[in-house]
mmCIF file of all heavy atoms, coordinates in Angstrom:
data_MODEL
# 
_entry.id   MODEL 
# 
loop_
_atom_site.group_PDB 
_atom_site.id 
_atom_site.type_symbol 
_atom_site.label_atom_id 
_atom_site.label_alt_id 
_atom_site.label_comp_id 
_atom_site.label_asym_id 
_atom_site.label_entity_id 
_atom_site.label_seq_id 
_atom_site.pdbx_PDB_ins_code 
_atom_site.Cartn_x 
_atom_site.Cartn_y 
_atom_site.Cartn_z 
_atom_site.occupancy 
_atom_site.B_iso_or_equiv 
_atom_site.pdbx_formal_charge 
_atom_site.auth_seq_id 
_atom_site.auth_comp_id 
_atom_site.auth_asym_id 
_atom_site.auth_atom_id 
_atom_site.pdbx_PDB_model_num 
ATOM 1   N N   . SER A 1 1  ? 2.556   27.319 2.393   1.00 0.00 ? 1  SER A N   1 
ATOM 2   C CA  . SER A 1 1  ? 2.732   28.601 1.691   1.00 0.00 ? 1  SER A CA  1 
ATOM 3   C C   . SER A 1 1  ? 3.770   28.605 0.630   1.00 0.00 ? 1  SER A C   1 
ATOM 4   O O   . SER A 1 1  ? 3.716   29.044 -0.452  1.00 0.00 ? 1  SER A O   1 
ATOM 5   C CB  . SER A 1 1  ? 2.838   29.792 2.652   1.00 0.00 ? 1  SER A CB  1 
ATOM 6   O OG  . SER A 1 1  ? 1.723   29.940 3.418   1.00 0.00 ? 1  SER A OG  1 
ATOM 7   N N   . ALA A 1 2  ? 4.874   28.011 0.983   1.00 0.00 ? 2  ALA A N   1 
ATOM 8   C CA  . ALA A 1 2  ? 6.023   27.907 0.171   1.00 0.00 ? 2  ALA A CA  1 
ATOM 9   C C   . ALA A 1 2  ? 5.791   26.958 -1.097  1.00 0.00 ? 2  ALA A C   1 
ATOM 10  O O   . ALA A 1 2  ? 6.183   27.186 -2.187  1.00 0.00 ? 2  ALA A O   1 
ATOM 11  C CB  . ALA A 1 2  ? 7.421   27.426 0.928   1.00 0.00 ? 2  ALA A CB  1 
ATOM 12  N N   . ALA A 1 3  ? 5.044   25.953 -0.800  1.00 0.00 ? 3  ALA A N   1 
ATOM 13  C CA  . ALA A 1 3  ? 4.749   25.018 -1.825  1.00 0.00 ? 3  ALA A CA  1 
ATOM 14  C C   . ALA A 1 3  ? 3.778   25.668 -2.923  1.00 0.00 ? 3  ALA A C   1 
ATOM 15  O O   . ALA A 1 3  ? 3.834   25.434 -4.096  1.00 0.00 ? 3  ALA A O   1 
ATOM 16  C CB  . ALA A 1 3  ? 3.998   23.688 -1.262  1.00 0.00 ? 3  ALA A CB  1 
ATOM 17  N N   . LEU A 1 4  ? 2.829   26.465 -2.311  1.00 0.00 ? 4  LEU A N   1 
ATOM 18  C CA  . LEU A 1 4  ? 1.865   27.070 -3.200  1.00 0.00 ? 4  LEU A CA  1 
ATOM 19  C C   . LEU A 1 4  ? 2.730   28.059 -4.126  1.00 0.00 ? 4  LEU A C   1 
ATOM 20  O O   . LEU A 1 4  ? 2.502   28.267 -5.347  1.00 0.00 ? 4  LEU A O   1 
ATOM 21  C CB  . LEU A 1 4  ? 0.894   27.876 -2.415  1.00 0.00 ? 4  LEU A CB  1 
ATOM 22  C CG  . LEU A 1 4  ? -0.078  27.065 -1.626  1.00 0.00 ? 4  LEU A CG  1 
ATOM 23  C CD1 . LEU A 1 4  ? -0.994  27.913 -0.657  1.00 0.00 ? 4  LEU A CD1 1 
ATOM 24  C CD2 . LEU A 1 4  ? -1.142  26.387 -2.744  1.00 0.00 ? 4  LEU A CD2 1 
ATOM 25  N N   . ALA A 1 5  ? 3.617   28.859 -3.469  1.00 0.00 ? 5  ALA A N   1 
ATOM 26  C CA  . ALA A 1 5  ? 4.379   29.818 -4.253  1.00 0.00 ? 5  ALA A CA  1 
ATOM 27  C C   . ALA A 1 5  ? 5.247   29.137 -5.297  1.00 0.00 ? 5  ALA A C   1 
ATOM 28  O O   . ALA A 1 5  ? 5.322   29.736 -6.430  1.00 0.00 ? 5  ALA A O   1 
ATOM 29  C CB  . ALA A 1 5  ? 5.303   30.772 -3.207  1.00 0.00 ? 5  ALA A CB  1 
ATOM 30  N N   . ALA A 1 6  ? 5.839   28.100 -4.890  1.00 0.00 ? 6  ALA A N   1 
ATOM 31  C CA  . ALA A 1 6  ? 6.641   27.247 -5.932  1.00 0.00 ? 6  ALA A CA  1 
ATOM 32  C C   . ALA A 1 6  ? 5.794   26.750 -7.127  1.00 0.00 ? 6  ALA A C   1 
ATOM 33  O O   . ALA A 1 6  ? 6.413   26.817 -8.243  1.00 0.00 ? 6  ALA A O   1 
ATOM 34  C CB  . ALA A 1 6  ? 7.411   26.195 -5.214  1.00 0.00 ? 6  ALA A CB  1 
ATOM 35  N N   . ALA A 1 7  ? 4.599   26.267 -6.782  1.00 0.00 ? 7  ALA A N   1 
ATOM 36  C CA  . ALA A 1 7  ? 3.858   25.800 -7.726  1.00 0.00 ? 7  ALA A CA  1 
ATOM 37  C C   . ALA A 1 7  ? 3.363   26.899 -8.648  1.00 0.00 ? 7  ALA A C   1 
ATOM 38  O O   . ALA A 1 7  ? 3.164   26.612 -9.889  1.00 0.00 ? 7  ALA A O   1 
ATOM 39  C CB  . ALA A 1 7  ? 2.612   25.022 -7.122  1.00 0.00 ? 7  ALA A CB  1 
ATOM 40  N N   . ARG A 1 8  ? 3.000   27.975 -8.213  1.00 0.00 ? 8  ARG A N   1 
ATOM 41  C CA  . ARG A 1 8  ? 2.656   29.249 -9.029  1.00 0.00 ? 8  ARG A CA  1 
ATOM 42  C C   . ARG A 1 8  ? 3.749   29.624 -9.998  1.00 0.00 ? 8  ARG A C   1 
ATOM 43  O O   . ARG A 1 8  ? 3.529   29.780 -11.174 1.00 0.00 ? 8  ARG A O   1 
ATOM 44  C CB  . ARG A 1 8  ? 2.225   30.372 -8.226  1.00 0.00 ? 8  ARG A CB  1 
ATOM 45  C CG  . ARG A 1 8  ? 0.838   30.261 -7.429  1.00 0.00 ? 8  ARG A CG  1 
ATOM 46  C CD  . ARG A 1 8  ? 0.538   31.696 -7.010  1.00 0.00 ? 8  ARG A CD  1 
ATOM 47  N NE  . ARG A 1 8  ? -0.344  31.492 -5.716  1.00 0.00 ? 8  ARG A NE  1 
ATOM 48  C CZ  . ARG A 1 8  ? -0.168  31.488 -4.442  1.00 0.00 ? 8  ARG A CZ  1 
ATOM 49  N NH1 . ARG A 1 8  ? 1.123   31.616 -4.184  1.00 0.00 ? 8  ARG A NH1 1 
ATOM 50  N NH2 . ARG A 1 8  ? -0.887  31.268 -3.542  1.00 0.00 ? 8  ARG A NH2 1 
ATOM 51  N N   . LYS A 1 9  ? 4.889   29.602 -9.490  1.00 0.00 ? 9  LYS A N   1 
ATOM 52  C CA  . LYS A 1 9  ? 6.128   30.076 -10.317 1.00 0.00 ? 9  LYS A CA  1 
ATOM 53  C C   . LYS A 1 9  ? 6.302   28.951 -11.248 1.00 0.00 ? 9  LYS A C   1 
ATOM 54  O O   . LYS A 1 9  ? 6.607   29.344 -12.505 1.00 0.00 ? 9  LYS A O   1 
ATOM 55  C CB  . LYS A 1 9  ? 7.239   30.231 -9.347  1.00 0.00 ? 9  LYS A CB  1 
ATOM 56  C CG  . LYS A 1 9  ? 8.614   30.599 -10.151 1.00 0.00 ? 9  LYS A CG  1 
ATOM 57  C CD  . LYS A 1 9  ? 9.835   30.888 -9.165  1.00 0.00 ? 9  LYS A CD  1 
ATOM 58  C CE  . LYS A 1 9  ? 10.900  31.357 -9.841  1.00 0.00 ? 9  LYS A CE  1 
ATOM 59  N NZ  . LYS A 1 9  ? 12.059  31.510 -8.966  1.00 0.00 ? 9  LYS A NZ  1 
ATOM 60  N N   . ALA A 1 10 ? 6.288   27.670 -11.088 1.00 0.00 ? 10 ALA A N   1 
ATOM 61  C CA  . ALA A 1 10 ? 6.474   26.678 -12.021 1.00 0.00 ? 10 ALA A CA  1 
ATOM 62  C C   . ALA A 1 10 ? 5.324   26.273 -12.781 1.00 0.00 ? 10 ALA A C   1 
ATOM 63  O O   . ALA A 1 10 ? 5.370   25.568 -13.753 1.00 0.00 ? 10 ALA A O   1 
ATOM 64  C CB  . ALA A 1 10 ? 6.979   25.502 -11.278 1.00 0.00 ? 10 ALA A CB  1 
ATOM 65  N N   . ARG A 1 11 ? 4.119   26.914 -12.471 1.00 0.00 ? 11 ARG A N   1 
ATOM 66  C CA  . ARG A 1 11 ? 2.836   26.603 -13.218 1.00 0.00 ? 11 ARG A CA  1 
ATOM 67  C C   . ARG A 1 11 ? 2.558   25.093 -13.110 1.00 0.00 ? 11 ARG A C   1 
ATOM 68  O O   . ARG A 1 11 ? 2.352   24.426 -14.220 1.00 0.00 ? 11 ARG A O   1 
ATOM 69  C CB  . ARG A 1 11 ? 2.855   27.192 -14.578 1.00 0.00 ? 11 ARG A CB  1 
ATOM 70  C CG  . ARG A 1 11 ? 2.841   28.600 -14.582 1.00 0.00 ? 11 ARG A CG  1 
ATOM 71  C CD  . ARG A 1 11 ? 2.856   29.260 -16.046 1.00 0.00 ? 11 ARG A CD  1 
ATOM 72  N NE  . ARG A 1 11 ? 2.895   30.712 -15.989 1.00 0.00 ? 11 ARG A NE  1 
ATOM 73  C CZ  . ARG A 1 11 ? 2.817   31.386 -17.070 1.00 0.00 ? 11 ARG A CZ  1 
ATOM 74  N NH1 . ARG A 1 11 ? 2.632   30.790 -18.281 1.00 0.00 ? 11 ARG A NH1 1 
ATOM 75  N NH2 . ARG A 1 11 ? 2.836   32.722 -17.003 1.00 0.00 ? 11 ARG A NH2 1 
ATOM 76  N N   . CYS A 1 12 ? 2.676   24.470 -11.995 1.00 0.00 ? 12 CYS A N   1 
ATOM 77  C CA  . CYS A 1 12 ? 2.435   22.983 -11.889 1.00 0.00 ? 12 CYS A CA  1 
ATOM 78  C C   . CYS A 1 12 ? 1.713   22.760 -10.691 1.00 0.00 ? 12 CYS A C   1 
ATOM 79  O O   . CYS A 1 12 ? 1.371   23.636 -9.767  1.00 0.00 ? 12 CYS A O   1 
ATOM 80  C CB  . CYS A 1 12 ? 3.793   22.321 -11.969 1.00 0.00 ? 12 CYS A CB  1 
ATOM 81  S SG  . CYS A 1 12 ? 4.769   22.668 -10.390 1.00 0.00 ? 12 CYS A SG  1 
ATOM 82  N N   . PRO A 1 13 ? 1.223   21.468 -10.364 1.00 0.00 ? 13 PRO A N   1 
ATOM 83  C CA  . PRO A 1 13 ? 0.255   21.191 -9.385  1.00 0.00 ? 13 PRO A CA  1 
ATOM 84  C C   . PRO A 1 13 ? 1.221   20.947 -7.953  1.00 0.00 ? 13 PRO A C   1 
ATOM 85  O O   . PRO A 1 13 ? 2.316   20.679 -8.090  1.00 0.00 ? 13 PRO A O   1 
ATOM 86  C CB  . PRO A 1 13 ? -0.380  19.966 -9.773  1.00 0.00 ? 13 PRO A CB  1 
ATOM 87  C CG  . PRO A 1 13 ? 0.525   19.253 -10.657 1.00 0.00 ? 13 PRO A CG  1 
ATOM 88  C CD  . PRO A 1 13 ? 1.128   20.473 -11.435 1.00 0.00 ? 13 PRO A CD  1 
ATOM 89  N N   . VAL A 1 14 ? 0.436   20.892 -6.936  1.00 0.00 ? 14 VAL A N   1 
ATOM 90  C CA  . VAL A 1 14 ? 1.130   20.387 -5.721  1.00 0.00 ? 14 VAL A CA  1 
ATOM 91  C C   . VAL A 1 14 ? 0.454   19.070 -5.403  1.00 0.00 ? 14 VAL A C   1 
ATOM 92  O O   . VAL A 1 14 ? -0.793  18.836 -5.611  1.00 0.00 ? 14 VAL A O   1 
ATOM 93  C CB  . VAL A 1 14 ? 0.651   21.391 -4.480  1.00 0.00 ? 14 VAL A CB  1 
ATOM 94  C CG1 . VAL A 1 14 ? 1.126   20.735 -3.159  1.00 0.00 ? 14 VAL A CG1 1 
ATOM 95  C CG2 . VAL A 1 14 ? 1.399   22.743 -4.740  1.00 0.00 ? 14 VAL A CG2 1 
ATOM 96  N N   . ILE A 1 15 ? 1.276   18.166 -5.105  1.00 0.00 ? 15 ILE A N   1 
ATOM 97  C CA  . ILE A 1 15 ? 0.884   16.662 -4.861  1.00 0.00 ? 15 ILE A CA  1 
ATOM 98  C C   . ILE A 1 15 ? 1.071   16.352 -3.348  1.00 0.00 ? 15 ILE A C   1 
ATOM 99  O O   . ILE A 1 15 ? 2.117   16.634 -2.782  1.00 0.00 ? 15 ILE A O   1 
ATOM 100 C CB  . ILE A 1 15 ? 1.619   15.683 -5.759  1.00 0.00 ? 15 ILE A CB  1 
ATOM 101 C CG1 . ILE A 1 15 ? 1.489   15.974 -7.171  1.00 0.00 ? 15 ILE A CG1 1 
ATOM 102 C CG2 . ILE A 1 15 ? 1.275   14.204 -5.439  1.00 0.00 ? 15 ILE A CG2 1 
ATOM 103 C CD1 . ILE A 1 15 ? 2.431   15.023 -8.067  1.00 0.00 ? 15 ILE A CD1 1 
ATOM 104 N N   . VAL A 1 16 ? -0.091  15.687 -2.830  1.00 0.00 ? 16 VAL A N   1 
ATOM 105 C CA  . VAL A 1 16 ? -0.069  15.321 -1.428  1.00 0.00 ? 16 VAL A CA  1 
ATOM 106 C C   . VAL A 1 16 ? -0.466  13.834 -1.443  1.00 0.00 ? 16 VAL A C   1 
ATOM 107 O O   . VAL A 1 16 ? -0.973  13.401 -2.361  1.00 0.00 ? 16 VAL A O   1 
ATOM 108 C CB  . VAL A 1 16 ? -0.945  16.214 -0.562  1.00 0.00 ? 16 VAL A CB  1 
ATOM 109 C CG1 . VAL A 1 16 ? -0.490  17.549 -0.375  1.00 0.00 ? 16 VAL A CG1 1 
ATOM 110 C CG2 . VAL A 1 16 ? -2.341  16.046 -0.975  1.00 0.00 ? 16 VAL A CG2 1 
ATOM 111 N N   . ALA A 1 17 ? 0.092   13.144 -0.429  1.00 0.00 ? 17 ALA A N   1 
ATOM 112 C CA  . ALA A 1 17 ? -0.276  11.698 -0.336  1.00 0.00 ? 17 ALA A CA  1 
ATOM 113 C C   . ALA A 1 17 ? -1.781  11.377 -0.146  1.00 0.00 ? 17 ALA A C   1 
ATOM 114 O O   . ALA A 1 17 ? -2.385  10.603 -0.751  1.00 0.00 ? 17 ALA A O   1 
ATOM 115 C CB  . ALA A 1 17 ? 0.546   11.022 0.627   1.00 0.00 ? 17 ALA A CB  1 
ATOM 116 N N   . LYS A 1 18 ? -2.310  12.153 0.938   1.00 0.00 ? 18 LYS A N   1 
ATOM 117 C CA  . LYS A 1 18 ? -3.664  12.075 1.305   1.00 0.00 ? 18 LYS A CA  1 
ATOM 118 C C   . LYS A 1 18 ? -4.220  13.358 1.497   1.00 0.00 ? 18 LYS A C   1 
ATOM 119 O O   . LYS A 1 18 ? -3.603  14.410 1.917   1.00 0.00 ? 18 LYS A O   1 
ATOM 120 C CB  . LYS A 1 18 ? -3.654  11.277 2.708   1.00 0.00 ? 18 LYS A CB  1 
ATOM 121 C CG  . LYS A 1 18 ? -3.235  9.803  2.610   1.00 0.00 ? 18 LYS A CG  1 
ATOM 122 C CD  . LYS A 1 18 ? -3.189  9.152  3.948   1.00 0.00 ? 18 LYS A CD  1 
ATOM 123 C CE  . LYS A 1 18 ? -2.821  7.797  3.928   1.00 0.00 ? 18 LYS A CE  1 
ATOM 124 N NZ  . LYS A 1 18 ? -3.929  6.832  3.460   1.00 0.00 ? 18 LYS A NZ  1 
ATOM 125 N N   . LEU A 1 19 ? -5.557  13.475 1.335   1.00 0.00 ? 19 LEU A N   1 
ATOM 126 C CA  . LEU A 1 19 ? -6.306  14.695 1.486   1.00 0.00 ? 19 LEU A CA  1 
ATOM 127 C C   . LEU A 1 19 ? -6.019  15.422 2.876   1.00 0.00 ? 19 LEU A C   1 
ATOM 128 O O   . LEU A 1 19 ? -5.996  16.515 3.002   1.00 0.00 ? 19 LEU A O   1 
ATOM 129 C CB  . LEU A 1 19 ? -7.703  14.621 1.135   1.00 0.00 ? 19 LEU A CB  1 
ATOM 130 C CG  . LEU A 1 19 ? -8.586  16.004 1.081   1.00 0.00 ? 19 LEU A CG  1 
ATOM 131 C CD1 . LEU A 1 19 ? -8.012  16.771 0.047   1.00 0.00 ? 19 LEU A CD1 1 
ATOM 132 C CD2 . LEU A 1 19 ? -10.058 15.554 0.896   1.00 0.00 ? 19 LEU A CD2 1 
ATOM 133 N N   . CYS A 1 20 ? -6.111  14.483 3.881   1.00 0.00 ? 20 CYS A N   1 
ATOM 134 C CA  . CYS A 1 20 ? -6.058  14.990 5.255   1.00 0.00 ? 20 CYS A CA  1 
ATOM 135 C C   . CYS A 1 20 ? -4.596  15.587 5.497   1.00 0.00 ? 20 CYS A C   1 
ATOM 136 O O   . CYS A 1 20 ? -4.545  16.321 6.494   1.00 0.00 ? 20 CYS A O   1 
ATOM 137 C CB  . CYS A 1 20 ? -6.325  13.907 6.262   1.00 0.00 ? 20 CYS A CB  1 
ATOM 138 S SG  . CYS A 1 20 ? -5.171  12.534 6.113   1.00 0.00 ? 20 CYS A SG  1 
ATOM 139 N N   . ARG A 1 21 ? -3.684  15.454 4.636   1.00 0.00 ? 21 ARG A N   1 
ATOM 140 C CA  . ARG A 1 21 ? -2.416  16.005 4.911   1.00 0.00 ? 21 ARG A CA  1 
ATOM 141 C C   . ARG A 1 21 ? -2.471  17.636 4.595   1.00 0.00 ? 21 ARG A C   1 
ATOM 142 O O   . ARG A 1 21 ? -1.642  18.349 5.033   1.00 0.00 ? 21 ARG A O   1 
ATOM 143 C CB  . ARG A 1 21 ? -1.273  15.476 3.978   1.00 0.00 ? 21 ARG A CB  1 
ATOM 144 C CG  . ARG A 1 21 ? -0.977  14.034 4.349   1.00 0.00 ? 21 ARG A CG  1 
ATOM 145 C CD  . ARG A 1 21 ? -0.664  13.900 5.865   1.00 0.00 ? 21 ARG A CD  1 
ATOM 146 N NE  . ARG A 1 21 ? -1.835  13.718 6.577   1.00 0.00 ? 21 ARG A NE  1 
ATOM 147 C CZ  . ARG A 1 21 ? -1.833  14.141 7.913   1.00 0.00 ? 21 ARG A CZ  1 
ATOM 148 N NH1 . ARG A 1 21 ? -0.805  14.539 8.534   1.00 0.00 ? 21 ARG A NH1 1 
ATOM 149 N NH2 . ARG A 1 21 ? -3.062  13.938 8.631   1.00 0.00 ? 21 ARG A NH2 1 
ATOM 150 N N   . LEU A 1 22 ? -3.654  18.021 3.729   1.00 0.00 ? 22 LEU A N   1 
ATOM 151 C CA  . LEU A 1 22 ? -3.906  19.299 3.573   1.00 0.00 ? 22 LEU A CA  1 
ATOM 152 C C   . LEU A 1 22 ? -4.733  19.934 4.797   1.00 0.00 ? 22 LEU A C   1 
ATOM 153 O O   . LEU A 1 22 ? -4.482  20.697 5.558   1.00 0.00 ? 22 LEU A O   1 
ATOM 154 C CB  . LEU A 1 22 ? -4.653  19.558 2.224   1.00 0.00 ? 22 LEU A CB  1 
ATOM 155 C CG  . LEU A 1 22 ? -3.761  19.425 0.936   1.00 0.00 ? 22 LEU A CG  1 
ATOM 156 C CD1 . LEU A 1 22 ? -4.669  19.366 -0.320  1.00 0.00 ? 22 LEU A CD1 1 
ATOM 157 C CD2 . LEU A 1 22 ? -2.732  20.400 0.870   1.00 0.00 ? 22 LEU A CD2 1 
ATOM 158 N N   . SER A 1 23 ? -5.998  19.121 4.866   1.00 0.00 ? 23 SER A N   1 
ATOM 159 C CA  . SER A 1 23 ? -6.764  19.377 6.060   1.00 0.00 ? 23 SER A CA  1 
ATOM 160 C C   . SER A 1 23 ? -8.027  18.416 5.924   1.00 0.00 ? 23 SER A C   1 
ATOM 161 O O   . SER A 1 23 ? -8.282  17.990 4.805   1.00 0.00 ? 23 SER A O   1 
ATOM 162 C CB  . SER A 1 23 ? -7.317  20.902 6.007   1.00 0.00 ? 23 SER A CB  1 
ATOM 163 O OG  . SER A 1 23 ? -8.134  21.241 7.041   1.00 0.00 ? 23 SER A OG  1 
ATOM 164 N N   . ARG A 1 24 ? -8.715  18.372 7.003   1.00 0.00 ? 24 ARG A N   1 
ATOM 165 C CA  . ARG A 1 24 ? -10.011 17.642 6.996   1.00 0.00 ? 24 ARG A CA  1 
ATOM 166 C C   . ARG A 1 24 ? -11.124 18.765 7.132   1.00 0.00 ? 24 ARG A C   1 
ATOM 167 O O   . ARG A 1 24 ? -12.313 18.433 7.236   1.00 0.00 ? 24 ARG A O   1 
ATOM 168 C CB  . ARG A 1 24 ? -10.164 16.813 8.232   1.00 0.00 ? 24 ARG A CB  1 
ATOM 169 C CG  . ARG A 1 24 ? -9.368  15.534 8.082   1.00 0.00 ? 24 ARG A CG  1 
ATOM 170 C CD  . ARG A 1 24 ? -9.615  14.513 9.275   1.00 0.00 ? 24 ARG A CD  1 
ATOM 171 N NE  . ARG A 1 24 ? -8.982  13.321 9.212   1.00 0.00 ? 24 ARG A NE  1 
ATOM 172 C CZ  . ARG A 1 24 ? -7.728  13.116 9.721   1.00 0.00 ? 24 ARG A CZ  1 
ATOM 173 N NH1 . ARG A 1 24 ? -7.178  14.175 10.353  1.00 0.00 ? 24 ARG A NH1 1 
ATOM 174 N NH2 . ARG A 1 24 ? -7.075  11.966 9.607   1.00 0.00 ? 24 ARG A NH2 1 
ATOM 175 N N   . ASP A 1 25 ? -10.818 19.989 6.983   1.00 0.00 ? 25 ASP A N   1 
ATOM 176 C CA  . ASP A 1 25 ? -11.701 21.069 7.097   1.00 0.00 ? 25 ASP A CA  1 
ATOM 177 C C   . ASP A 1 25 ? -12.185 21.587 5.736   1.00 0.00 ? 25 ASP A C   1 
ATOM 178 O O   . ASP A 1 25 ? -11.318 22.004 4.893   1.00 0.00 ? 25 ASP A O   1 
ATOM 179 C CB  . ASP A 1 25 ? -11.092 22.305 7.846   1.00 0.00 ? 25 ASP A CB  1 
ATOM 180 C CG  . ASP A 1 25 ? -12.048 23.353 8.089   1.00 0.00 ? 25 ASP A CG  1 
ATOM 181 O OD1 . ASP A 1 25 ? -12.147 24.301 7.215   1.00 0.00 ? 25 ASP A OD1 1 
ATOM 182 O OD2 . ASP A 1 25 ? -12.712 23.483 9.200   1.00 0.00 ? 25 ASP A OD2 1 
ATOM 183 N N   . VAL A 1 26 ? -13.533 21.544 5.396   1.00 0.00 ? 26 VAL A N   1 
ATOM 184 C CA  . VAL A 1 26 ? -13.933 21.935 4.217   1.00 0.00 ? 26 VAL A CA  1 
ATOM 185 C C   . VAL A 1 26 ? -13.575 23.354 3.869   1.00 0.00 ? 26 VAL A C   1 
ATOM 186 O O   . VAL A 1 26 ? -13.255 23.696 2.735   1.00 0.00 ? 26 VAL A O   1 
ATOM 187 C CB  . VAL A 1 26 ? -15.500 21.725 3.990   1.00 0.00 ? 26 VAL A CB  1 
ATOM 188 C CG1 . VAL A 1 26 ? -15.988 22.196 2.618   1.00 0.00 ? 26 VAL A CG1 1 
ATOM 189 C CG2 . VAL A 1 26 ? -15.782 20.184 4.230   1.00 0.00 ? 26 VAL A CG2 1 
ATOM 190 N N   . HIS A 1 27 ? -13.842 24.218 4.791   1.00 0.00 ? 27 HIS A N   1 
ATOM 191 C CA  . HIS A 1 27 ? -13.526 25.779 4.549   1.00 0.00 ? 27 HIS A CA  1 
ATOM 192 C C   . HIS A 1 27 ? -12.170 25.836 4.170   1.00 0.00 ? 27 HIS A C   1 
ATOM 193 O O   . HIS A 1 27 ? -11.745 26.676 3.310   1.00 0.00 ? 27 HIS A O   1 
ATOM 194 C CB  . HIS A 1 27 ? -13.929 26.528 5.882   1.00 0.00 ? 27 HIS A CB  1 
ATOM 195 C CG  . HIS A 1 27 ? -13.698 27.936 5.771   1.00 0.00 ? 27 HIS A CG  1 
ATOM 196 N ND1 . HIS A 1 27 ? -14.406 28.842 4.931   1.00 0.00 ? 27 HIS A ND1 1 
ATOM 197 C CD2 . HIS A 1 27 ? -12.593 28.825 6.326   1.00 0.00 ? 27 HIS A CD2 1 
ATOM 198 C CE1 . HIS A 1 27 ? -13.902 30.111 5.094   1.00 0.00 ? 27 HIS A CE1 1 
ATOM 199 N NE2 . HIS A 1 27 ? -12.846 30.023 5.867   1.00 0.00 ? 27 HIS A NE2 1 
# 
């Protein structure tokens, strides 16, 4: 949530190493 807030403020993307670090859940 903090990463999302920081990205919105800076108007930039969030970078992760692998998709599963976000989630394996489509929803």
